[in-house]
Amino acid sequence: MSFAALEPRLSELGSRLGDLLTDQRRGWYAEFLEVGEYGLALEMLTDWLSEKEVPIPDGARTEALALASEMGIHERVAGGLSLCPPATT
């Protein structure tokens, strides 16, 4: 599978979680996607959220883990997300 095929899903994930990031980090995430650094984009998104242990909605967590599995970076992303509690609604 081409990582480029995952770009729409990564873009959607960034949109869903964008409010949890600073403007600068949202911009970096978009730049990573724009230049085809899909794995880096997902890893950095996870790192940024885990730094502050930001609560993550279950649907976004599930999608991030699914993308990570498809990209072969599941352990890296799962480790970061493990620091983020579930979001309460």
C-alpha atoms as a PDB file:
ATOM      1  CA  MET A   1       0.000   0.000   0.000  1.00  0.00           C
ATOM      2  CA  SER A   2       1.154   3.497  -0.822  1.00  0.00           C
ATOM      3  CA  PHE A   3       1.284   5.840   2.128  1.00  0.00           C
ATOM      4  CA  ALA A   4      -0.054   8.531  -0.211  1.00  0.00           C
ATOM      5  CA  ALA A   5      -3.358   6.641  -0.234  1.00  0.00           C
ATOM      6  CA  LEU A   6      -3.555   7.340   3.512  1.00  0.00           C
ATOM      7  CA  GLU A   7      -3.231  11.104   3.103  1.00  0.00           C
ATOM      8  CA  PRO A   8      -6.987  11.858   3.140  1.00  0.00           C
ATOM      9  CA  ARG A   9      -7.385   9.894   6.376  1.00  0.00           C
ATOM     10  CA  LEU A  10      -4.367  11.610   7.931  1.00  0.00           C
ATOM     11  CA  SER A  11      -5.729  14.980   6.873  1.00  0.00           C
ATOM     12  CA  GLU A  12      -9.104  14.167   8.420  1.00  0.00           C
ATOM     13  CA  LEU A  13      -7.417  13.036  11.648  1.00  0.00           C
ATOM     14  CA  GLY A  14      -5.512  16.312  11.758  1.00  0.00           C
ATOM     15  CA  SER A  15      -8.768  18.200  11.317  1.00  0.00           C
ATOM     16  CA  ARG A  16     -10.448  16.239  14.100  1.00  0.00           C
ATOM     17  CA  LEU A  17      -7.587  16.821  16.527  1.00  0.00           C
ATOM     18  CA  GLY A  18      -6.444  20.213  15.268  1.00  0.00           C
ATOM     19  CA  ASP A  19      -8.152  22.156  18.038  1.00  0.00           C
ATOM     20  CA  LEU A  20      -5.930  20.302  20.516  1.00  0.00           C
ATOM     21  CA  LEU A  21      -2.766  21.687  18.895  1.00  0.00           C
ATOM     22  CA  THR A  22      -1.176  25.105  18.703  1.00  0.00           C
ATOM     23  CA  ASP A  23      -1.480  27.006  15.432  1.00  0.00           C
ATOM     24  CA  GLN A  24       2.197  26.383  14.773  1.00  0.00           C
ATOM     25  CA  ARG A  25       1.885  22.637  15.255  1.00  0.00           C
ATOM     26  CA  ARG A  26      -1.214  22.474  13.055  1.00  0.00           C
ATOM     27  CA  GLY A  27       0.845  24.188  10.385  1.00  0.00           C
ATOM     28  CA  TRP A  28       3.722  21.754  10.765  1.00  0.00           C
ATOM     29  CA  TYR A  29       1.356  18.790  10.559  1.00  0.00           C
ATOM     30  CA  ALA A  30      -0.098  20.157   7.315  1.00  0.00           C
ATOM     31  CA  GLU A  31       3.411  20.745   5.962  1.00  0.00           C
ATOM     32  CA  PHE A  32       4.471  17.178   6.766  1.00  0.00           C
ATOM     33  CA  LEU A  33       1.471  15.881   4.822  1.00  0.00           C
ATOM     34  CA  GLU A  34       2.113  18.275   1.960  1.00  0.00           C
ATOM     35  CA  VAL A  35       5.653  16.964   1.444  1.00  0.00           C
ATOM     36  CA  GLY A  36       4.668  13.314   1.849  1.00  0.00           C
ATOM     37  CA  GLU A  37       6.110  12.762   5.332  1.00  0.00           C
ATOM     38  CA  TYR A  38       3.065  10.780   6.435  1.00  0.00           C
ATOM     39  CA  GLY A  39       4.718   8.654   9.105  1.00  0.00           C
ATOM     40  CA  LEU A  40       6.466  11.673  10.582  1.00  0.00           C
ATOM     41  CA  ALA A  41       3.185  13.599  10.610  1.00  0.00           C
ATOM     42  CA  LEU A  42       1.415  10.877  12.595  1.00  0.00           C
ATOM     43  CA  GLU A  43       4.327  10.367  14.961  1.00  0.00           C
ATOM     44  CA  MET A  44       4.640  14.083  15.658  1.00  0.00           C
ATOM     45  CA  LEU A  45       0.896  14.460  16.150  1.00  0.00           C
ATOM     46  CA  THR A  46       1.080  11.706  18.732  1.00  0.00           C
ATOM     47  CA  ASP A  47       4.126  13.242  20.410  1.00  0.00           C
ATOM     48  CA  TRP A  48       2.545  16.675  20.645  1.00  0.00           C
ATOM     49  CA  LEU A  49      -0.620  15.304  22.207  1.00  0.00           C
ATOM     50  CA  SER A  50       1.220  13.021  24.612  1.00  0.00           C
ATOM     51  CA  GLU A  51       3.492  15.838  25.860  1.00  0.00           C
ATOM     52  CA  LYS A  52       0.524  17.349  27.670  1.00  0.00           C
ATOM     53  CA  GLU A  53      -1.421  14.097  28.091  1.00  0.00           C
ATOM     54  CA  VAL A  54      -4.265  15.577  26.061  1.00  0.00           C
ATOM     55  CA  PRO A  55      -7.517  13.573  26.247  1.00  0.00           C
ATOM     56  CA  ILE A  56      -8.255  11.935  22.880  1.00  0.00           C
ATOM     57  CA  PRO A  57     -11.729  10.990  21.609  1.00  0.00           C
ATOM     58  CA  ASP A  58     -12.069   7.230  21.107  1.00  0.00           C
ATOM     59  CA  GLY A  59     -12.827   7.495  17.379  1.00  0.00           C
ATOM     60  CA  ALA A  60      -9.700   9.571  16.739  1.00  0.00           C
ATOM     61  CA  ARG A  61      -7.586   7.193  18.837  1.00  0.00           C
ATOM     62  CA  THR A  62      -8.923   4.191  16.899  1.00  0.00           C
ATOM     63  CA  GLU A  63      -8.212   5.876  13.561  1.00  0.00           C
ATOM     64  CA  ALA A  64      -4.695   6.934  14.616  1.00  0.00           C
ATOM     65  CA  LEU A  65      -3.881   3.382  15.685  1.00  0.00           C
ATOM     66  CA  ALA A  66      -5.340   1.929  12.477  1.00  0.00           C
ATOM     67  CA  LEU A  67      -3.263   4.314  10.373  1.00  0.00           C
ATOM     68  CA  ALA A  68      -0.165   3.530  12.423  1.00  0.00           C
ATOM     69  CA  SER A  69      -0.681  -0.194  11.909  1.00  0.00           C
ATOM     70  CA  GLU A  70      -1.036   0.270   8.160  1.00  0.00           C
ATOM     71  CA  MET A  71       2.150   2.354   8.136  1.00  0.00           C
ATOM     72  CA  GLY A  72       4.187  -0.034  10.289  1.00  0.00           C
ATOM     73  CA  ILE A  73       4.605   2.419  13.171  1.00  0.00           C
ATOM     74  CA  HIS A  74       1.961   1.052  15.535  1.00  0.00           C
ATOM     75  CA  GLU A  75       4.211   0.641  18.578  1.00  0.00           C
ATOM     76  CA  ARG A  76       5.563   4.179  18.265  1.00  0.00           C
ATOM     77  CA  VAL A  77       2.109   5.757  17.986  1.00  0.00           C
ATOM     78  CA  ALA A  78       0.466   3.471  20.548  1.00  0.00           C
ATOM     79  CA  GLY A  79       3.165   4.352  23.078  1.00  0.00           C
ATOM     80  CA  GLY A  80       2.434   8.049  22.776  1.00  0.00           C
ATOM     81  CA  LEU A  81      -1.314   7.633  22.774  1.00  0.00           C
ATOM     82  CA  SER A  82      -1.098   5.508  25.915  1.00  0.00           C
ATOM     83  CA  LEU A  83      -0.214   8.720  27.761  1.00  0.00           C
ATOM     84  CA  CYS A  84      -3.423  10.407  26.573  1.00  0.00           C
ATOM     85  CA  PRO A  85      -6.560   9.554  28.531  1.00  0.00           C
ATOM     86  CA  PRO A  86      -9.901   9.028  26.794  1.00  0.00           C
ATOM     87  CA  ALA A  87     -11.849  12.239  26.238  1.00  0.00           C
ATOM     88  CA  THR A  88     -14.984  12.594  28.291  1.00  0.00           C
ATOM     89  CA  THR A  89     -18.061  13.870  26.550  1.00  0.00           C
END
